[in-house]
Every structure is written in C-alpha cells, then in structure tokens.
Amino acid sequence: MLFLDKTPELSDVDMMIYKFITAHLDKVCLMRIRDLADATHVSTATILRFCRKFDCSGFSEFRVRLRMYTERAGATQVDLADETTYIDFLKRTSQSEFKGRIRQATKLLKDAELVLFVGVGSSGIVAEYGALYFSSLFTLALHIEDPLNHPFNHLSKGLSGKLCIIAISVSGETSEVIKYIQHINAHQCKILSITNSEKSTVARLSDVNIPYYIHRETYQGADITSQLPALYTVECIAREIRRKLDNEAK
C-alpha cells in the first residue's frame, strides 16, 4: 500500500485520508500537515497517527517517502536488468542460511501426496510453472488459479495431513493469498511460502518460508520485480526432494 510492502490496519477515517492522498499524490507532496488535515476534515493528531501506521515518525517523513514513491511510479524509462542483483542472490544460495531453508522445505514436502501452488499476477505464472515442474519430478501438483473460489470446507482429515500448499508472493501481502492460507490453516495443512521478505504476512503464516531478498521494482504502479529468484527456488526444492527420494531408494 503506497510505499509499504504490507497493508496496515486502517480505520474508516484512515481509509478516507488514504483515498484523498492517492487521488491527490502530487498535491499532498507539497502540503503541510495542517493543509492535509483541513482538506480531509480531521485533526493534525489524526494525520500523525495515520503516518505512524505507514511506519513514519511524522508527516515530514511520510511526505518524503510519498514523493519518492510518486517519482518511481511516474517513471517513463525502465532500466536494464541489474545482473549484480542476480549474482548476489546466487551467492546467497550457496550459504548455510538458504540451504537450511531448502532442507526445511524438503522435510515439509517429502511425504506430501498432493501439492497446491497458489499465487496471483506474475507470481501466479510462477505457481503454474511450479505445479508442472513438481509434477514432473516429485508428486501430483496443481495450480490454484483463483484462490478465493477454492474453499476446503469438506477436506477430509486424512487428505489434509498429506496436503501441502506452496504460496508464492513477492510482497507477501497479496490479500487473496493471505485469505487462502488463513482458510487452509484451519485444516492443519502444511504451508510453504516463497517471498521477498520473511517479515511479510504470508511468510509469518507459513510453516516454512524461503525469502530471497532482492530489490523491488515498479513501473507506473505495476510491480515488475524479477521472478527469477522464485523460479530458482521452486526448481531447487523439487530437485532436492527428487535427489533425496532417489538416494533412499538405493
């Protein structure tokens, strides 16, 4: 939401302020706190509380971060992919932290009889690819194309114990994915997530999370963050599971 990677809890008054700001981004960047309070018919104290919900110490910091967000959103040129971002990520995959997370994911998935991939937007494309890749190397995997229209009210206890959800989300704050995980958690299914940050809501709702930490990019409001780390992680998990199963079969 705006320059945050998460969705803060907003009251009705906060939402009214938020809607005014999003409708007048350029204007708000030049306003004083009193100007914004008058325009939204609230007190300056209310504006300050609103700013703190966006992780800002005050209105001055909020206005600076809003201006930076507006400049990025209005960009008219897309830079070439920075290969150093990918090199840095690949270096981290050889470190114990990443390998440990892969081992945790492998342990979580090893006995699964059905794997469901869930994601929205570009993460949904990765989820679809992941389902195909897992089905080729490990076990039956399906892609949930519309998370909110796939309830599990009649899921048996026997199946829920053998079911694992793999949630893919760059921000980790995709509302459809969060609601899906919250619903499936009631059935005690295993949850693995692949996100850009382990502090996101999706990550914290998961049994195991694998964060990849790369710079997030937007273009005219659209998230164009690279999905290469997510693709690599999906393939890495599937290959590791296959390797372990083959070794056990010997």
Protein backbone atom coordinates (compact mmCIF):
# COMPACT_ATOMS: atom_id res chain seq x y z
CA MET A 1 0.00 0.00 0.00
CA LEU A 2 1.65 3.20 -1.23
CA PHE A 3 5.36 2.80 -0.34
CA LEU A 4 4.81 -0.06 2.13
CA ASP A 5 5.23 -3.76 1.33
CA LYS A 6 2.35 -4.57 3.65
CA THR A 7 -1.23 -3.44 4.21
CA PRO A 8 -1.59 -1.60 7.55
CA GLU A 9 -4.77 -1.79 9.58
CA LEU A 10 -6.74 1.33 8.64
CA SER A 11 -9.87 2.66 10.31
CA ASP A 12 -12.67 4.24 8.31
CA VAL A 13 -11.13 7.67 8.94
CA ASP A 14 -7.69 6.41 7.92
CA MET A 15 -9.16 4.96 4.72
CA MET A 16 -10.76 8.31 3.92
CA ILE A 17 -7.36 10.01 4.34
CA TYR A 18 -5.71 7.31 2.24
CA LYS A 19 -8.21 7.75 -0.59
CA PHE A 20 -7.66 11.51 -0.57
CA ILE A 21 -3.88 11.07 -0.71
CA THR A 22 -3.99 8.56 -3.57
CA ALA A 23 -6.30 10.87 -5.53
CA HIS A 24 -4.00 13.91 -5.00
CA LEU A 25 -0.49 12.44 -4.80
CA ASP A 26 1.38 15.38 -6.34
CA LYS A 27 -0.61 17.90 -4.31
CA VAL A 28 -0.11 16.12 -0.97
CA CYS A 29 3.67 16.00 -1.53
CA LEU A 30 3.65 19.80 -1.25
CA MET A 31 1.18 20.14 1.60
CA ARG A 32 1.82 20.99 5.22
CA ILE A 33 0.25 18.76 7.85
CA ARG A 34 -2.34 21.47 8.60
CA ASP A 35 -3.24 21.67 4.90
CA LEU A 36 -3.88 17.93 4.71
CA ALA A 37 -5.84 17.97 7.97
CA ASP A 38 -8.07 20.77 6.66
CA ALA A 39 -8.54 19.06 3.29
CA THR A 40 -9.64 15.81 4.94
CA HIS A 41 -11.56 17.48 7.79
CA VAL A 42 -9.57 15.79 10.57
CA SER A 43 -7.13 16.95 13.23
CA THR A 44 -3.36 17.08 12.83
CA ALA A 45 -3.14 14.40 15.55
CA THR A 46 -5.21 12.08 13.34
CA ILE A 47 -2.83 12.73 10.43
CA LEU A 48 0.15 11.89 12.67
CA ARG A 49 -1.45 8.61 13.74
CA PHE A 50 -2.09 7.82 10.09
CA CYS A 51 1.58 8.48 9.24
CA ARG A 52 2.76 6.17 12.03
CA LYS A 53 0.68 3.35 10.57
CA PHE A 54 2.83 3.76 7.46
CA ASP A 55 5.99 3.34 9.55
CA CYS A 56 6.80 7.06 9.52
CA SER A 57 7.81 9.07 12.60
CA GLY A 58 5.83 12.08 11.41
CA PHE A 59 4.29 13.86 8.45
CA SER A 60 7.62 15.16 7.16
CA GLU A 61 8.99 11.63 6.74
CA PHE A 62 5.70 10.47 5.25
CA ARG A 63 5.78 13.29 2.69
CA VAL A 64 9.38 12.49 1.68
CA ARG A 65 8.63 8.79 1.24
CA LEU A 66 5.44 9.65 -0.64
CA ARG A 67 7.39 11.92 -3.01
CA MET A 68 9.91 9.14 -3.69
CA TYR A 69 7.07 6.69 -4.30
CA THR A 70 5.38 9.12 -6.70
CA GLU A 71 8.61 9.62 -8.64
CA ARG A 72 9.12 5.88 -9.01
CA ALA A 73 5.51 5.31 -10.02
CA GLY A 74 5.77 8.02 -12.66
CA ALA A 75 8.95 6.66 -14.21
CA THR A 76 8.94 6.69 -18.00
CA GLN A 77 12.04 4.57 -18.51
CA VAL A 78 12.83 1.04 -17.46
CA ASP A 79 16.47 0.33 -16.66
CA LEU A 80 18.22 -2.77 -17.92
CA ALA A 81 18.23 -5.68 -15.51
CA ASP A 82 20.99 -5.32 -12.96
CA GLU A 83 22.93 -8.57 -13.17
CA THR A 84 24.58 -7.85 -9.82
CA THR A 85 21.19 -8.45 -8.18
CA TYR A 86 21.07 -11.97 -9.57
CA ILE A 87 24.73 -12.63 -8.82
CA ASP A 88 24.21 -11.58 -5.21
CA PHE A 89 21.16 -13.84 -4.91
CA LEU A 90 23.01 -16.82 -6.40
CA LYS A 91 25.88 -16.28 -3.98
CA ARG A 92 23.44 -16.41 -1.09
CA THR A 93 22.01 -19.73 -2.33
CA SER A 94 25.34 -21.37 -1.55
CA GLN A 95 25.28 -20.15 2.04
CA SER A 96 24.07 -22.19 5.02
CA GLU A 97 21.01 -19.99 5.63
CA PHE A 98 19.46 -20.67 2.21
CA LYS A 99 20.46 -24.34 2.21
CA GLY A 100 18.93 -24.73 5.66
CA ARG A 101 15.62 -23.32 4.42
CA ILE A 102 15.66 -25.70 1.45
CA ARG A 103 16.19 -28.61 3.84
CA GLN A 104 13.25 -27.44 5.96
CA ALA A 105 11.07 -27.20 2.84
CA THR A 106 12.16 -30.65 1.69
CA LYS A 107 11.29 -32.15 5.06
CA LEU A 108 7.88 -30.45 5.00
CA LEU A 109 7.08 -31.67 1.49
CA LYS A 110 8.68 -35.09 1.47
CA ASP A 111 5.57 -37.07 2.47
CA ALA A 112 3.04 -34.89 0.66
CA GLU A 113 0.70 -36.69 -1.72
CA LEU A 114 -0.70 -33.51 -3.22
CA VAL A 115 0.92 -30.10 -3.61
CA LEU A 116 -1.11 -27.00 -4.42
CA PHE A 117 0.64 -23.91 -5.77
CA VAL A 118 -1.02 -20.55 -5.21
CA GLY A 119 -0.06 -17.09 -6.46
CA VAL A 120 -1.57 -14.02 -8.12
CA GLY A 121 -0.33 -11.99 -11.10
CA SER A 122 3.23 -12.76 -12.16
CA SER A 123 3.56 -14.93 -9.04
CA GLY A 124 0.62 -16.90 -10.40
CA ILE A 125 2.63 -17.66 -13.54
CA VAL A 126 5.48 -18.94 -11.36
CA ALA A 127 2.96 -21.02 -9.40
CA GLU A 128 1.65 -22.56 -12.61
CA TYR A 129 5.21 -23.40 -13.69
CA GLY A 130 5.96 -24.78 -10.23
CA ALA A 131 2.99 -27.17 -10.42
CA LEU A 132 4.24 -28.51 -13.76
CA TYR A 133 7.82 -28.81 -12.50
CA PHE A 134 6.85 -30.59 -9.27
CA SER A 135 4.56 -32.99 -11.13
CA SER A 136 7.49 -33.92 -13.37
CA LEU A 137 9.96 -34.57 -10.53
CA PHE A 138 8.05 -35.37 -7.35
CA THR A 139 4.30 -35.83 -6.95
CA LEU A 140 0.99 -34.56 -8.27
CA ALA A 141 0.94 -30.76 -8.06
CA LEU A 142 -1.82 -28.41 -9.12
CA HIS A 143 -2.04 -24.66 -9.64
CA ILE A 144 -4.86 -22.81 -7.87
CA GLU A 145 -5.76 -20.16 -10.42
CA ASP A 146 -8.45 -18.40 -8.36
CA PRO A 147 -7.63 -18.78 -4.63
CA LEU A 148 -10.82 -17.22 -3.30
CA ASN A 149 -13.05 -19.66 -5.21
CA HIS A 150 -11.39 -22.85 -3.96
CA PRO A 151 -12.78 -23.46 -0.44
CA PHE A 152 -11.79 -26.53 1.55
CA ASN A 153 -14.80 -26.88 3.83
CA HIS A 154 -15.16 -30.60 3.06
CA LEU A 155 -11.49 -31.54 3.13
CA SER A 156 -11.02 -34.84 4.98
CA LYS A 157 -8.55 -35.10 7.83
CA GLY A 158 -6.72 -37.88 6.02
CA LEU A 159 -6.10 -35.77 2.96
CA SER A 160 -5.33 -32.56 4.85
CA GLY A 161 -2.44 -34.33 6.55
CA LYS A 162 -0.95 -35.20 3.16
CA LEU A 163 -1.59 -31.83 1.52
CA CYS A 164 0.94 -29.03 1.25
CA ILE A 165 0.36 -25.50 -0.05
CA ILE A 166 3.19 -23.59 -1.70
CA ALA A 167 2.37 -19.88 -1.71
CA ILE A 168 4.36 -17.57 -3.98
CA SER A 169 4.21 -13.80 -3.47
CA VAL A 170 6.81 -11.09 -3.96
CA SER A 171 5.35 -8.71 -1.38
CA GLY A 172 3.93 -11.41 0.85
CA GLU A 173 0.92 -9.15 1.34
CA THR A 174 -1.35 -10.31 -1.51
CA SER A 175 -4.81 -10.32 0.06
CA GLU A 176 -6.14 -13.28 -1.97
CA VAL A 177 -3.18 -15.45 -0.95
CA ILE A 178 -3.43 -14.38 2.71
CA LYS A 179 -7.13 -15.25 2.88
CA TYR A 180 -6.49 -18.59 1.19
CA ILE A 181 -3.75 -19.50 3.69
CA GLN A 182 -5.87 -18.40 6.65
CA HIS A 183 -8.71 -20.61 5.42
CA ILE A 184 -6.47 -23.61 4.79
CA ASN A 185 -4.71 -23.20 8.16
CA ALA A 186 -7.94 -24.26 9.85
CA HIS A 187 -7.49 -27.69 8.24
CA GLN A 188 -3.92 -28.04 9.53
CA CYS A 189 -2.41 -28.31 6.07
CA LYS A 190 1.29 -27.60 5.69
CA ILE A 191 2.23 -24.21 4.30
CA LEU A 192 5.46 -23.35 2.48
CA SER A 193 5.94 -19.83 1.13
CA ILE A 194 8.44 -18.19 -1.20
CA THR A 195 8.51 -14.42 -0.70
CA ASN A 196 10.86 -11.49 -0.96
CA SER A 197 10.85 -10.93 2.81
CA GLU A 198 10.40 -13.25 5.78
CA LYS A 199 8.68 -10.43 7.71
CA SER A 200 5.65 -10.36 5.40
CA THR A 201 2.21 -11.65 6.41
CA VAL A 202 2.35 -14.65 4.06
CA ALA A 203 5.75 -15.62 5.45
CA ARG A 204 4.60 -15.39 9.05
CA LEU A 205 1.52 -17.53 8.34
CA SER A 206 3.68 -20.31 6.87
CA ASP A 207 5.29 -23.33 8.47
CA VAL A 208 8.41 -22.72 6.39
CA ASN A 209 9.37 -19.59 4.48
CA ILE A 210 12.15 -19.10 1.95
CA PRO A 211 12.89 -15.38 1.41
CA TYR A 212 15.11 -14.23 -1.44
CA TYR A 213 15.57 -10.52 -0.70
CA ILE A 214 16.07 -8.63 -3.95
CA HIS A 215 15.38 -5.01 -4.83
CA ARG A 216 11.71 -4.44 -5.64
CA GLU A 217 10.90 -2.52 -8.81
CA THR A 218 7.75 -0.79 -10.03
CA TYR A 219 6.84 0.88 -13.29
CA GLN A 220 3.84 3.21 -13.43
CA GLY A 221 2.33 1.45 -10.44
CA ALA A 222 2.95 -2.10 -11.69
CA ASP A 223 5.26 -4.43 -9.78
CA ILE A 224 8.00 -5.57 -12.18
CA THR A 225 10.25 -7.21 -9.60
CA SER A 226 12.14 -10.12 -11.14
CA GLN A 227 10.69 -13.58 -10.55
CA LEU A 228 13.99 -15.32 -11.29
CA PRO A 229 14.77 -15.95 -7.58
CA ALA A 230 11.31 -17.51 -7.08
CA LEU A 231 11.77 -19.73 -10.14
CA TYR A 232 15.21 -20.82 -8.98
CA THR A 233 13.89 -21.61 -5.50
CA VAL A 234 11.00 -23.71 -6.85
CA GLU A 235 13.36 -25.74 -9.03
CA CYS A 236 15.87 -26.11 -6.22
CA ILE A 237 13.24 -27.56 -3.84
CA ALA A 238 11.88 -30.02 -6.40
CA ARG A 239 15.35 -31.23 -7.37
CA GLU A 240 16.40 -31.65 -3.73
CA ILE A 241 13.31 -33.73 -2.95
CA ARG A 242 13.90 -35.92 -6.01
CA ARG A 243 17.56 -36.37 -5.05
CA LYS A 244 16.67 -37.46 -1.51
CA LEU A 245 14.00 -39.88 -2.67
CA ASP A 246 16.37 -41.45 -5.19
CA ASN A 247 19.06 -41.84 -2.51
CA GLU A 248 16.60 -43.53 -0.15
CA ALA A 249 15.52 -45.93 -2.89
CA LYS A 250 19.08 -47.19 -3.39
